[in-house]
Amino acid sequence: MHILAIDTCTEVCSVSLYSNQGKTSRFIKGVEKSSGLILPLCDEVFSEVGITPKDLDGIAYTKGPGAFTGVRMCIGVVQGISLAHDIPTMGFSTLEVVGFGAAKKFNTDKIAVALDARMGEVYWGLYQDQKLTNESLRKPDDVNTLGQDFIGVGTGWGAHEQVLSERSGISNYKANFYPKSENLIDLYLIHVNENGNFDDKLPLPTYLRNNVAHKSLK
């Protein structure tokens, strides 16, 4: 089985290719417009494993929320590869990918994800019992009161550290925690194992801030 995973929805960019050799991955952070590097990164992992896009059995991707350009880039690349070669796809929330990765890294089922959404807001979600809830766009002072048993992750904790900590009651948080395509692979395999199917729908983005998206498309 060959599964490609793509993420460009935040300030990082990553791609992973799952095969019988394991996971072959690339991760880039700190490069301006890193999402524009996604196609060369895909070419690198294809070359390393020795396959071409037509050999893929599926594509996993982050569908947002996140940076508007990054979300569109991710969806555009996935649509291009999947439609050109009739490859099924499966999309996951950026918040779910971050929450899943944090739950695995910190060995806890109580994760509060906050991604900086700019405009004084955060993309907010809770990852508990292996699922994402409360996914929404919020002002930092509107988040839930949760308590010390939660761990906060995501760039929103760096941008709104004091308010988020005071409102949520969380003192343990990691702002420099990002989505990674390796975790997309794991989520994909878990979903297929439990449900035995793919999401064959056309890949579409999740913005949460729809008024901005609509204005940008005019």
N, C-alpha and C. Protein backbone atom coordinates (compact mmCIF):
# COMPACT_ATOMS: atom_id res chain seq x y z
N MET A 1 0.84 -1.20 0.00
CA MET A 1 0.00 0.00 0.00
C MET A 1 0.87 1.24 0.00
N HIS A 2 0.51 2.22 -0.82
CA HIS A 2 1.23 3.49 -0.87
C HIS A 2 0.25 4.63 -0.57
N ILE A 3 0.51 5.34 0.53
CA ILE A 3 -0.34 6.45 0.96
C ILE A 3 0.50 7.72 1.04
N LEU A 4 0.04 8.77 0.38
CA LEU A 4 0.70 10.07 0.45
C LEU A 4 -0.05 10.95 1.43
N ALA A 5 0.67 11.66 2.30
CA ALA A 5 0.06 12.59 3.25
C ALA A 5 0.65 13.98 3.05
N ILE A 6 -0.22 14.99 3.00
CA ILE A 6 0.20 16.36 2.71
C ILE A 6 -0.39 17.33 3.72
N ASP A 7 0.46 18.22 4.24
CA ASP A 7 -0.02 19.31 5.10
C ASP A 7 0.70 20.60 4.76
N THR A 8 -0.07 21.65 4.45
CA THR A 8 0.51 22.99 4.24
C THR A 8 -0.36 24.06 4.89
N CYS A 9 -1.19 23.69 5.85
CA CYS A 9 -2.23 24.59 6.34
C CYS A 9 -1.77 25.60 7.38
N THR A 10 -0.57 25.45 7.91
CA THR A 10 -0.07 26.42 8.89
C THR A 10 1.26 26.97 8.38
N GLU A 11 2.10 27.45 9.28
CA GLU A 11 3.38 28.02 8.87
C GLU A 11 4.45 26.96 8.61
N VAL A 12 4.07 25.69 8.70
CA VAL A 12 4.98 24.60 8.34
C VAL A 12 4.41 23.86 7.14
N CYS A 13 5.28 23.06 6.55
CA CYS A 13 4.89 22.28 5.37
C CYS A 13 5.49 20.89 5.53
N SER A 14 4.68 19.85 5.36
CA SER A 14 5.23 18.51 5.49
C SER A 14 4.53 17.54 4.55
N VAL A 15 5.27 16.52 4.16
CA VAL A 15 4.74 15.47 3.29
C VAL A 15 5.33 14.15 3.74
N SER A 16 4.52 13.09 3.72
CA SER A 16 4.97 11.75 4.07
C SER A 16 4.44 10.76 3.05
N LEU A 17 5.23 9.76 2.77
CA LEU A 17 4.81 8.68 1.88
C LEU A 17 4.95 7.37 2.63
N TYR A 18 3.83 6.69 2.79
CA TYR A 18 3.80 5.42 3.51
C TYR A 18 3.89 4.27 2.50
N SER A 19 4.79 3.34 2.79
CA SER A 19 4.96 2.18 1.91
C SER A 19 5.46 1.02 2.76
N ASN A 20 5.83 -0.09 2.10
CA ASN A 20 6.37 -1.22 2.86
C ASN A 20 7.73 -0.91 3.46
N GLN A 21 8.30 0.23 3.08
CA GLN A 21 9.56 0.69 3.67
C GLN A 21 9.33 1.53 4.93
N GLY A 22 8.05 1.76 5.28
CA GLY A 22 7.72 2.62 6.40
C GLY A 22 7.30 4.00 5.92
N LYS A 23 7.63 5.02 6.69
CA LYS A 23 7.27 6.40 6.33
C LYS A 23 8.51 7.15 5.85
N THR A 24 8.39 7.75 4.70
CA THR A 24 9.43 8.62 4.16
C THR A 24 8.89 10.03 4.21
N SER A 25 9.54 10.92 4.97
CA SER A 25 8.93 12.21 5.28
C SER A 25 9.86 13.39 5.05
N ARG A 26 9.22 14.54 4.84
CA ARG A 26 9.92 15.82 4.78
C ARG A 26 9.12 16.82 5.61
N PHE A 27 9.84 17.69 6.32
CA PHE A 27 9.19 18.70 7.17
C PHE A 27 9.97 20.00 7.06
N ILE A 28 9.29 21.10 6.75
CA ILE A 28 9.96 22.39 6.60
C ILE A 28 9.26 23.44 7.46
N LYS A 29 10.06 24.20 8.19
CA LYS A 29 9.55 25.27 9.04
C LYS A 29 10.49 26.47 8.92
N GLY A 30 9.93 27.67 9.02
CA GLY A 30 10.76 28.85 9.04
C GLY A 30 11.19 29.35 7.68
N VAL A 31 10.53 28.88 6.62
CA VAL A 31 10.81 29.35 5.27
C VAL A 31 9.59 30.12 4.78
N GLU A 32 9.79 31.34 4.28
CA GLU A 32 8.68 32.15 3.80
C GLU A 32 7.94 31.41 2.69
N LYS A 33 6.61 31.36 2.82
CA LYS A 33 5.76 30.69 1.85
C LYS A 33 6.20 29.24 1.64
N SER A 34 6.40 28.52 2.75
CA SER A 34 6.86 27.13 2.68
C SER A 34 5.87 26.23 1.94
N SER A 35 4.58 26.63 1.92
CA SER A 35 3.59 25.81 1.22
C SER A 35 3.92 25.69 -0.26
N GLY A 36 4.65 26.68 -0.81
CA GLY A 36 5.01 26.63 -2.22
C GLY A 36 6.04 25.55 -2.53
N LEU A 37 6.61 24.91 -1.49
CA LEU A 37 7.60 23.87 -1.67
C LEU A 37 7.00 22.47 -1.70
N ILE A 38 5.68 22.37 -1.59
CA ILE A 38 5.06 21.07 -1.41
C ILE A 38 5.29 20.14 -2.60
N LEU A 39 5.23 20.64 -3.83
CA LEU A 39 5.42 19.77 -4.99
C LEU A 39 6.85 19.22 -5.07
N PRO A 40 7.89 20.06 -4.87
CA PRO A 40 9.24 19.48 -4.83
C PRO A 40 9.41 18.44 -3.72
N LEU A 41 8.78 18.66 -2.57
CA LEU A 41 8.87 17.69 -1.48
C LEU A 41 8.19 16.37 -1.87
N CYS A 42 7.05 16.48 -2.55
CA CYS A 42 6.38 15.26 -3.03
C CYS A 42 7.29 14.51 -4.00
N ASP A 43 7.92 15.25 -4.91
CA ASP A 43 8.83 14.61 -5.87
C ASP A 43 9.98 13.90 -5.16
N GLU A 44 10.48 14.50 -4.06
CA GLU A 44 11.57 13.89 -3.32
C GLU A 44 11.19 12.54 -2.72
N VAL A 45 10.01 12.50 -2.07
CA VAL A 45 9.62 11.23 -1.44
C VAL A 45 9.24 10.18 -2.48
N PHE A 46 8.63 10.60 -3.58
CA PHE A 46 8.33 9.64 -4.65
C PHE A 46 9.63 9.02 -5.18
N SER A 47 10.63 9.88 -5.40
CA SER A 47 11.90 9.41 -5.94
C SER A 47 12.61 8.48 -4.95
N GLU A 48 12.55 8.83 -3.65
CA GLU A 48 13.24 8.02 -2.65
C GLU A 48 12.63 6.63 -2.53
N VAL A 49 11.31 6.55 -2.62
CA VAL A 49 10.63 5.25 -2.50
C VAL A 49 10.63 4.51 -3.84
N GLY A 50 10.73 5.26 -4.93
CA GLY A 50 10.77 4.62 -6.25
C GLY A 50 9.43 4.38 -6.87
N ILE A 51 8.46 5.30 -6.63
CA ILE A 51 7.14 5.18 -7.25
C ILE A 51 6.78 6.51 -7.90
N THR A 52 5.66 6.53 -8.59
CA THR A 52 5.11 7.75 -9.18
C THR A 52 3.71 7.97 -8.62
N PRO A 53 3.13 9.16 -8.80
CA PRO A 53 1.80 9.42 -8.24
C PRO A 53 0.73 8.40 -8.65
N LYS A 54 0.82 7.85 -9.84
CA LYS A 54 -0.20 6.90 -10.28
C LYS A 54 -0.18 5.60 -9.48
N ASP A 55 0.92 5.36 -8.74
CA ASP A 55 1.04 4.15 -7.92
C ASP A 55 0.38 4.29 -6.55
N LEU A 56 -0.12 5.48 -6.23
CA LEU A 56 -0.72 5.71 -4.92
C LEU A 56 -2.05 4.98 -4.77
N ASP A 57 -2.31 4.52 -3.54
CA ASP A 57 -3.60 3.90 -3.21
C ASP A 57 -4.53 4.88 -2.51
N GLY A 58 -3.97 5.97 -1.99
CA GLY A 58 -4.79 6.96 -1.31
C GLY A 58 -3.97 8.17 -0.92
N ILE A 59 -4.67 9.28 -0.64
CA ILE A 59 -4.02 10.51 -0.21
C ILE A 59 -4.73 11.02 1.04
N ALA A 60 -3.96 11.29 2.08
CA ALA A 60 -4.49 11.93 3.29
C ALA A 60 -4.00 13.37 3.32
N TYR A 61 -4.84 14.27 3.80
CA TYR A 61 -4.47 15.68 3.77
C TYR A 61 -5.15 16.46 4.89
N THR A 62 -4.55 17.58 5.27
CA THR A 62 -5.21 18.50 6.18
C THR A 62 -6.08 19.45 5.36
N LYS A 63 -7.30 19.62 5.77
CA LYS A 63 -8.26 20.42 5.01
C LYS A 63 -8.51 21.79 5.63
N GLY A 64 -7.76 22.13 6.69
CA GLY A 64 -7.98 23.37 7.39
C GLY A 64 -8.69 23.09 8.71
N PRO A 65 -8.89 24.11 9.51
CA PRO A 65 -8.60 25.53 9.25
C PRO A 65 -7.11 25.82 9.32
N GLY A 66 -6.76 27.03 8.87
CA GLY A 66 -5.37 27.44 8.89
C GLY A 66 -5.18 28.67 8.03
N ALA A 67 -3.95 28.89 7.61
CA ALA A 67 -3.64 30.02 6.74
C ALA A 67 -4.39 29.86 5.42
N PHE A 68 -5.04 30.92 4.96
CA PHE A 68 -5.90 30.82 3.79
C PHE A 68 -5.15 30.30 2.57
N THR A 69 -3.98 30.87 2.29
CA THR A 69 -3.20 30.43 1.14
C THR A 69 -2.72 28.99 1.31
N GLY A 70 -2.28 28.65 2.51
CA GLY A 70 -1.81 27.30 2.77
C GLY A 70 -2.90 26.26 2.59
N VAL A 71 -4.10 26.56 3.07
CA VAL A 71 -5.23 25.63 2.92
C VAL A 71 -5.54 25.41 1.44
N ARG A 72 -5.59 26.51 0.69
CA ARG A 72 -5.89 26.41 -0.74
C ARG A 72 -4.79 25.63 -1.48
N MET A 73 -3.55 25.84 -1.09
CA MET A 73 -2.45 25.12 -1.71
C MET A 73 -2.58 23.62 -1.48
N CYS A 74 -2.86 23.25 -0.24
CA CYS A 74 -3.00 21.83 0.10
C CYS A 74 -4.13 21.19 -0.69
N ILE A 75 -5.29 21.83 -0.70
CA ILE A 75 -6.44 21.28 -1.41
C ILE A 75 -6.17 21.21 -2.91
N GLY A 76 -5.52 22.23 -3.46
CA GLY A 76 -5.24 22.25 -4.89
C GLY A 76 -4.32 21.11 -5.31
N VAL A 77 -3.27 20.87 -4.53
CA VAL A 77 -2.34 19.79 -4.86
C VAL A 77 -3.03 18.43 -4.77
N VAL A 78 -3.82 18.24 -3.71
CA VAL A 78 -4.52 16.96 -3.54
C VAL A 78 -5.52 16.74 -4.67
N GLN A 79 -6.28 17.77 -5.01
CA GLN A 79 -7.23 17.65 -6.11
C GLN A 79 -6.51 17.29 -7.41
N GLY A 80 -5.39 17.95 -7.67
CA GLY A 80 -4.67 17.71 -8.91
C GLY A 80 -4.19 16.27 -9.03
N ILE A 81 -3.58 15.75 -7.96
CA ILE A 81 -3.07 14.38 -8.01
C ILE A 81 -4.19 13.37 -8.04
N SER A 82 -5.21 13.58 -7.20
CA SER A 82 -6.28 12.59 -7.10
C SER A 82 -7.13 12.53 -8.37
N LEU A 83 -7.44 13.67 -8.94
CA LEU A 83 -8.26 13.69 -10.15
C LEU A 83 -7.49 13.18 -11.37
N ALA A 84 -6.20 13.48 -11.43
CA ALA A 84 -5.40 13.05 -12.57
C ALA A 84 -5.23 11.53 -12.62
N HIS A 85 -5.21 10.90 -11.44
CA HIS A 85 -4.92 9.46 -11.39
C HIS A 85 -6.03 8.65 -10.74
N ASP A 86 -7.19 9.28 -10.49
CA ASP A 86 -8.34 8.60 -9.90
C ASP A 86 -7.97 7.93 -8.57
N ILE A 87 -7.39 8.73 -7.66
CA ILE A 87 -6.93 8.23 -6.37
C ILE A 87 -7.87 8.72 -5.27
N PRO A 88 -8.38 7.84 -4.43
CA PRO A 88 -9.26 8.27 -3.34
C PRO A 88 -8.51 9.09 -2.29
N THR A 89 -9.25 9.96 -1.62
CA THR A 89 -8.63 10.86 -0.65
C THR A 89 -9.36 10.80 0.69
N MET A 90 -8.70 11.35 1.71
CA MET A 90 -9.31 11.44 3.03
C MET A 90 -8.77 12.69 3.72
N GLY A 91 -9.65 13.63 4.08
CA GLY A 91 -9.23 14.87 4.71
C GLY A 91 -9.47 14.87 6.21
N PHE A 92 -8.58 15.54 6.94
CA PHE A 92 -8.69 15.66 8.39
C PHE A 92 -8.52 17.12 8.79
N SER A 93 -9.22 17.51 9.84
CA SER A 93 -9.06 18.85 10.39
C SER A 93 -7.62 19.07 10.86
N THR A 94 -7.10 20.26 10.60
CA THR A 94 -5.77 20.61 11.10
C THR A 94 -5.72 20.47 12.62
N LEU A 95 -6.81 20.84 13.29
CA LEU A 95 -6.87 20.75 14.75
C LEU A 95 -6.79 19.29 15.20
N GLU A 96 -7.43 18.39 14.45
CA GLU A 96 -7.38 16.97 14.80
C GLU A 96 -5.97 16.41 14.64
N VAL A 97 -5.29 16.81 13.58
CA VAL A 97 -3.92 16.33 13.35
C VAL A 97 -3.00 16.80 14.47
N VAL A 98 -3.13 18.07 14.87
CA VAL A 98 -2.32 18.60 15.97
C VAL A 98 -2.67 17.89 17.27
N GLY A 99 -3.97 17.74 17.55
CA GLY A 99 -4.40 17.09 18.78
C GLY A 99 -3.96 15.64 18.86
N PHE A 100 -4.08 14.92 17.77
CA PHE A 100 -3.65 13.52 17.72
C PHE A 100 -2.16 13.41 18.00
N GLY A 101 -1.37 14.26 17.34
CA GLY A 101 0.07 14.22 17.55
C GLY A 101 0.46 14.55 18.98
N ALA A 102 -0.22 15.51 19.58
CA ALA A 102 0.07 15.89 20.96
C ALA A 102 -0.33 14.80 21.94
N ALA A 103 -1.48 14.18 21.70
CA ALA A 103 -1.94 13.10 22.58
C ALA A 103 -0.94 11.95 22.58
N LYS A 104 -0.39 11.66 21.41
CA LYS A 104 0.59 10.58 21.29
C LYS A 104 1.92 10.97 21.95
N LYS A 105 2.36 12.19 21.71
CA LYS A 105 3.66 12.63 22.24
C LYS A 105 3.65 12.75 23.76
N PHE A 106 2.57 13.33 24.30
CA PHE A 106 2.51 13.59 25.74
C PHE A 106 1.74 12.52 26.52
N ASN A 107 1.27 11.50 25.81
CA ASN A 107 0.59 10.36 26.45
C ASN A 107 -0.57 10.81 27.34
N THR A 108 -1.46 11.60 26.75
CA THR A 108 -2.65 12.06 27.48
C THR A 108 -3.82 12.14 26.52
N ASP A 109 -5.02 12.04 27.04
CA ASP A 109 -6.20 12.16 26.18
C ASP A 109 -6.91 13.49 26.39
N LYS A 110 -6.21 14.45 26.97
CA LYS A 110 -6.81 15.77 27.22
C LYS A 110 -5.93 16.86 26.63
N ILE A 111 -6.25 17.23 25.39
CA ILE A 111 -5.46 18.21 24.65
C ILE A 111 -6.36 19.38 24.24
N ALA A 112 -5.91 20.59 24.51
CA ALA A 112 -6.61 21.79 24.05
C ALA A 112 -5.78 22.44 22.95
N VAL A 113 -6.32 22.41 21.72
CA VAL A 113 -5.59 22.93 20.56
C VAL A 113 -6.05 24.36 20.28
N ALA A 114 -5.09 25.25 20.13
CA ALA A 114 -5.39 26.64 19.75
C ALA A 114 -4.38 27.07 18.70
N LEU A 115 -4.86 27.33 17.48
CA LEU A 115 -4.02 27.82 16.41
C LEU A 115 -4.30 29.30 16.20
N ASP A 116 -3.25 30.08 16.04
CA ASP A 116 -3.40 31.51 15.84
C ASP A 116 -4.15 31.77 14.52
N ALA A 117 -5.32 32.40 14.62
CA ALA A 117 -6.14 32.70 13.44
C ALA A 117 -6.02 34.15 13.02
N ARG A 118 -5.13 34.91 13.69
CA ARG A 118 -4.97 36.34 13.45
C ARG A 118 -6.27 37.07 13.81
N MET A 119 -6.33 38.36 13.59
CA MET A 119 -7.52 39.17 13.87
C MET A 119 -7.99 39.00 15.32
N GLY A 120 -7.06 38.67 16.24
CA GLY A 120 -7.42 38.52 17.64
C GLY A 120 -8.24 37.29 17.94
N GLU A 121 -8.12 36.25 17.11
CA GLU A 121 -8.91 35.03 17.29
C GLU A 121 -8.02 33.79 17.20
N VAL A 122 -8.60 32.67 17.64
CA VAL A 122 -7.90 31.38 17.53
C VAL A 122 -8.85 30.34 16.95
N TYR A 123 -8.26 29.38 16.25
CA TYR A 123 -8.99 28.16 15.89
C TYR A 123 -8.86 27.23 17.07
N TRP A 124 -9.98 26.84 17.64
CA TRP A 124 -9.99 26.15 18.94
C TRP A 124 -10.63 24.77 18.81
N GLY A 125 -10.08 23.80 19.51
CA GLY A 125 -10.68 22.47 19.53
C GLY A 125 -10.12 21.66 20.68
N LEU A 126 -10.90 20.69 21.15
CA LEU A 126 -10.47 19.79 22.21
C LEU A 126 -10.31 18.39 21.62
N TYR A 127 -9.16 17.77 21.89
CA TYR A 127 -8.93 16.40 21.45
C TYR A 127 -8.96 15.50 22.68
N GLN A 128 -10.08 14.74 22.81
CA GLN A 128 -10.29 13.87 23.95
C GLN A 128 -10.84 12.53 23.48
N ASP A 129 -10.41 11.46 24.15
CA ASP A 129 -10.93 10.12 23.82
C ASP A 129 -10.82 9.84 22.33
N GLN A 130 -9.70 10.23 21.76
CA GLN A 130 -9.36 9.95 20.36
C GLN A 130 -10.31 10.60 19.36
N LYS A 131 -10.85 11.75 19.73
CA LYS A 131 -11.68 12.47 18.76
C LYS A 131 -11.64 13.96 19.06
N LEU A 132 -11.94 14.75 18.02
CA LEU A 132 -11.93 16.21 18.12
C LEU A 132 -13.34 16.74 18.38
N THR A 133 -13.46 17.63 19.35
CA THR A 133 -14.74 18.29 19.63
C THR A 133 -14.50 19.80 19.77
N ASN A 134 -15.58 20.55 19.80
CA ASN A 134 -15.53 22.00 20.05
C ASN A 134 -14.75 22.76 18.98
N GLU A 135 -14.65 22.24 17.76
CA GLU A 135 -13.91 22.94 16.71
C GLU A 135 -14.64 24.23 16.34
N SER A 136 -13.94 25.36 16.50
CA SER A 136 -14.60 26.64 16.26
C SER A 136 -13.56 27.75 16.14
N LEU A 137 -14.03 28.89 15.69
CA LEU A 137 -13.23 30.13 15.66
C LEU A 137 -13.69 30.98 16.83
N ARG A 138 -12.76 31.35 17.72
CA ARG A 138 -13.15 32.03 18.95
C ARG A 138 -12.19 33.17 19.29
N LYS A 139 -12.70 34.09 20.08
CA LYS A 139 -11.84 35.05 20.77
C LYS A 139 -11.15 34.30 21.91
N PRO A 140 -9.92 34.61 22.20
CA PRO A 140 -9.22 33.90 23.28
C PRO A 140 -9.93 33.94 24.62
N ASP A 141 -10.66 35.02 24.90
CA ASP A 141 -11.35 35.08 26.19
C ASP A 141 -12.70 34.37 26.19
N ASP A 142 -13.02 33.68 25.09
CA ASP A 142 -14.26 32.91 25.02
C ASP A 142 -14.05 31.40 25.13
N VAL A 143 -12.82 30.96 25.41
CA VAL A 143 -12.56 29.53 25.44
C VAL A 143 -13.10 28.91 26.73
N ASN A 144 -13.21 27.58 26.72
CA ASN A 144 -13.75 26.84 27.85
C ASN A 144 -12.82 26.89 29.06
N THR A 145 -13.39 26.79 30.25
CA THR A 145 -12.61 26.55 31.45
C THR A 145 -12.36 25.06 31.54
N LEU A 146 -11.11 24.64 31.56
CA LEU A 146 -10.79 23.22 31.46
C LEU A 146 -10.03 22.70 32.67
N GLY A 147 -8.94 23.34 33.04
CA GLY A 147 -8.21 22.90 34.22
C GLY A 147 -6.84 22.33 33.93
N GLN A 148 -6.14 22.00 35.01
CA GLN A 148 -4.73 21.64 34.94
C GLN A 148 -4.46 20.28 34.31
N ASP A 149 -5.47 19.42 34.17
CA ASP A 149 -5.20 18.11 33.59
C ASP A 149 -5.13 18.15 32.07
N PHE A 150 -5.41 19.31 31.47
CA PHE A 150 -5.27 19.48 30.03
C PHE A 150 -3.90 20.04 29.68
N ILE A 151 -3.43 19.70 28.49
CA ILE A 151 -2.22 20.30 27.93
C ILE A 151 -2.62 21.13 26.71
N GLY A 152 -2.16 22.35 26.65
CA GLY A 152 -2.45 23.21 25.51
C GLY A 152 -1.36 23.12 24.46
N VAL A 153 -1.74 23.05 23.19
CA VAL A 153 -0.75 23.01 22.11
C VAL A 153 -1.21 23.89 20.95
N GLY A 154 -0.23 24.38 20.20
CA GLY A 154 -0.54 25.17 19.01
C GLY A 154 -0.10 26.61 19.13
N THR A 155 0.01 27.27 17.98
CA THR A 155 0.53 28.63 17.91
C THR A 155 -0.33 29.66 18.62
N GLY A 156 -1.61 29.36 18.82
CA GLY A 156 -2.47 30.28 19.55
C GLY A 156 -2.02 30.49 20.97
N TRP A 157 -1.36 29.48 21.54
CA TRP A 157 -0.88 29.61 22.92
C TRP A 157 0.31 30.56 23.00
N GLY A 158 1.01 30.75 21.91
CA GLY A 158 2.08 31.74 21.89
C GLY A 158 1.56 33.13 21.64
N ALA A 159 0.57 33.24 20.76
CA ALA A 159 0.03 34.55 20.40
C ALA A 159 -0.86 35.14 21.49
N HIS A 160 -1.53 34.28 22.27
CA HIS A 160 -2.48 34.75 23.29
C HIS A 160 -2.24 34.01 24.60
N GLU A 161 -1.00 33.91 24.98
CA GLU A 161 -0.59 33.10 26.13
C GLU A 161 -1.33 33.43 27.41
N GLN A 162 -1.34 34.69 27.80
CA GLN A 162 -1.90 35.05 29.10
C GLN A 162 -3.41 34.84 29.14
N VAL A 163 -4.12 35.31 28.11
CA VAL A 163 -5.58 35.20 28.12
C VAL A 163 -6.02 33.75 28.07
N LEU A 164 -5.40 32.96 27.18
CA LEU A 164 -5.80 31.56 27.07
C LEU A 164 -5.53 30.80 28.36
N SER A 165 -4.40 31.06 28.98
CA SER A 165 -4.07 30.38 30.22
C SER A 165 -5.04 30.75 31.33
N GLU A 166 -5.35 32.04 31.45
CA GLU A 166 -6.27 32.49 32.50
C GLU A 166 -7.67 31.95 32.28
N ARG A 167 -8.17 32.00 31.06
CA ARG A 167 -9.55 31.57 30.77
C ARG A 167 -9.71 30.06 30.86
N SER A 168 -8.72 29.32 30.37
CA SER A 168 -8.85 27.86 30.32
C SER A 168 -8.42 27.20 31.62
N GLY A 169 -7.58 27.87 32.39
CA GLY A 169 -7.05 27.25 33.59
C GLY A 169 -5.90 26.31 33.31
N ILE A 170 -5.36 26.37 32.09
CA ILE A 170 -4.26 25.49 31.68
C ILE A 170 -2.93 26.22 31.87
N SER A 171 -2.01 25.59 32.59
CA SER A 171 -0.69 26.19 32.80
C SER A 171 0.40 25.48 32.00
N ASN A 172 0.11 24.27 31.52
CA ASN A 172 1.08 23.50 30.75
C ASN A 172 0.71 23.57 29.28
N TYR A 173 1.48 24.33 28.50
CA TYR A 173 1.15 24.47 27.09
C TYR A 173 2.43 24.58 26.25
N LYS A 174 2.33 24.13 25.01
CA LYS A 174 3.45 24.12 24.09
C LYS A 174 3.03 24.87 22.82
N ALA A 175 3.53 26.10 22.67
CA ALA A 175 3.12 26.92 21.52
C ALA A 175 3.74 26.43 20.22
N ASN A 176 4.98 25.92 20.30
CA ASN A 176 5.67 25.47 19.08
C ASN A 176 5.36 24.01 18.79
N PHE A 177 4.10 23.74 18.56
CA PHE A 177 3.65 22.39 18.25
C PHE A 177 2.82 22.46 16.97
N TYR A 178 3.21 21.70 15.96
CA TYR A 178 2.63 21.87 14.62
C TYR A 178 2.07 20.55 14.08
N PRO A 179 1.19 20.64 13.09
CA PRO A 179 0.73 19.42 12.43
C PRO A 179 1.87 18.77 11.66
N LYS A 180 1.86 17.45 11.62
CA LYS A 180 2.89 16.72 10.87
C LYS A 180 2.22 15.65 10.01
N SER A 181 2.75 15.48 8.81
CA SER A 181 2.15 14.53 7.87
C SER A 181 2.26 13.09 8.36
N GLU A 182 3.29 12.79 9.18
CA GLU A 182 3.39 11.43 9.73
C GLU A 182 2.13 11.06 10.53
N ASN A 183 1.59 12.04 11.25
CA ASN A 183 0.38 11.79 12.03
C ASN A 183 -0.85 11.66 11.13
N LEU A 184 -0.82 12.33 10.00
CA LEU A 184 -1.89 12.14 9.02
C LEU A 184 -1.95 10.69 8.56
N ILE A 185 -0.78 10.10 8.31
CA ILE A 185 -0.71 8.69 7.91
C ILE A 185 -1.37 7.81 8.97
N ASP A 186 -1.02 8.03 10.24
CA ASP A 186 -1.58 7.23 11.32
C ASP A 186 -3.10 7.38 11.41
N LEU A 187 -3.59 8.62 11.29
CA LEU A 187 -5.03 8.85 11.34
C LEU A 187 -5.72 8.16 10.18
N TYR A 188 -5.12 8.20 9.02
CA TYR A 188 -5.66 7.57 7.83
C TYR A 188 -5.78 6.05 8.05
N LEU A 189 -4.71 5.43 8.53
CA LEU A 189 -4.71 3.99 8.74
C LEU A 189 -5.72 3.57 9.81
N ILE A 190 -5.83 4.37 10.87
CA ILE A 190 -6.81 4.08 11.92
C ILE A 190 -8.22 4.14 11.34
N HIS A 191 -8.50 5.19 10.55
CA HIS A 191 -9.83 5.35 9.97
C HIS A 191 -10.17 4.20 9.03
N VAL A 192 -9.25 3.82 8.18
CA VAL A 192 -9.50 2.73 7.23
C VAL A 192 -9.69 1.41 7.97
N ASN A 193 -8.90 1.20 9.02
CA ASN A 193 -9.02 -0.03 9.79
C ASN A 193 -10.37 -0.13 10.48
N GLU A 194 -10.88 1.02 10.95
CA GLU A 194 -12.15 1.01 11.68
C GLU A 194 -13.37 1.06 10.75
N ASN A 195 -13.22 1.73 9.63
CA ASN A 195 -14.37 1.95 8.75
C ASN A 195 -14.29 1.23 7.41
N GLY A 196 -13.08 0.83 7.04
CA GLY A 196 -12.92 0.05 5.83
C GLY A 196 -13.26 0.79 4.55
N ASN A 197 -13.17 2.11 4.54
CA ASN A 197 -13.49 2.84 3.31
C ASN A 197 -12.68 4.13 3.23
N PHE A 198 -12.75 4.76 2.07
CA PHE A 198 -12.10 6.03 1.83
C PHE A 198 -13.17 7.11 1.70
N ASP A 199 -12.73 8.35 1.77
CA ASP A 199 -13.61 9.47 1.47
C ASP A 199 -13.40 9.82 0.00
N ASP A 200 -14.31 9.40 -0.85
CA ASP A 200 -14.15 9.59 -2.29
C ASP A 200 -14.65 10.93 -2.78
N LYS A 201 -15.10 11.78 -1.87
CA LYS A 201 -15.61 13.08 -2.28
C LYS A 201 -14.46 13.97 -2.76
N LEU A 202 -14.80 14.97 -3.57
CA LEU A 202 -13.80 15.92 -4.02
C LEU A 202 -13.19 16.64 -2.81
N PRO A 203 -11.86 16.68 -2.70
CA PRO A 203 -11.24 17.37 -1.57
C PRO A 203 -11.68 18.83 -1.48
N LEU A 204 -12.16 19.23 -0.30
CA LEU A 204 -12.64 20.59 -0.09
C LEU A 204 -12.06 21.15 1.21
N PRO A 205 -11.89 22.46 1.28
CA PRO A 205 -11.29 23.07 2.47
C PRO A 205 -12.29 23.32 3.59
N THR A 206 -11.76 23.47 4.79
CA THR A 206 -12.52 23.94 5.94
C THR A 206 -11.87 25.24 6.40
N TYR A 207 -12.61 26.34 6.32
CA TYR A 207 -12.04 27.64 6.67
C TYR A 207 -12.44 28.10 8.08
N LEU A 208 -13.66 27.84 8.52
CA LEU A 208 -14.27 28.35 9.75
C LEU A 208 -14.53 29.85 9.66
N ARG A 209 -13.59 30.62 9.13
CA ARG A 209 -13.83 32.05 8.94
C ARG A 209 -14.34 32.25 7.51
N ASN A 210 -15.59 31.89 7.28
CA ASN A 210 -16.13 31.87 5.92
C ASN A 210 -16.25 33.25 5.29
N ASN A 211 -16.50 34.29 6.12
CA ASN A 211 -16.65 35.62 5.53
C ASN A 211 -15.36 36.08 4.88
N VAL A 212 -14.20 35.75 5.46
CA VAL A 212 -12.93 36.11 4.87
C VAL A 212 -12.68 35.32 3.59
N ALA A 213 -13.01 34.03 3.64
CA ALA A 213 -12.81 33.19 2.47
C ALA A 213 -13.64 33.68 1.31
N HIS A 214 -14.90 34.03 1.57
CA HIS A 214 -15.78 34.47 0.50
C HIS A 214 -15.28 35.78 -0.12
N LYS A 215 -14.81 36.71 0.71
CA LYS A 215 -14.30 37.97 0.19
C LYS A 215 -13.07 37.76 -0.66
N SER A 216 -12.23 36.81 -0.25
CA SER A 216 -10.98 36.58 -0.97
C SER A 216 -11.22 35.92 -2.32
N LEU A 217 -12.34 35.23 -2.46
CA LEU A 217 -12.63 34.55 -3.70
C LEU A 217 -13.27 35.46 -4.73
N LYS A 218 -13.68 36.67 -4.32
CA LYS A 218 -14.34 37.58 -5.27
C LYS A 218 -13.32 38.22 -6.20
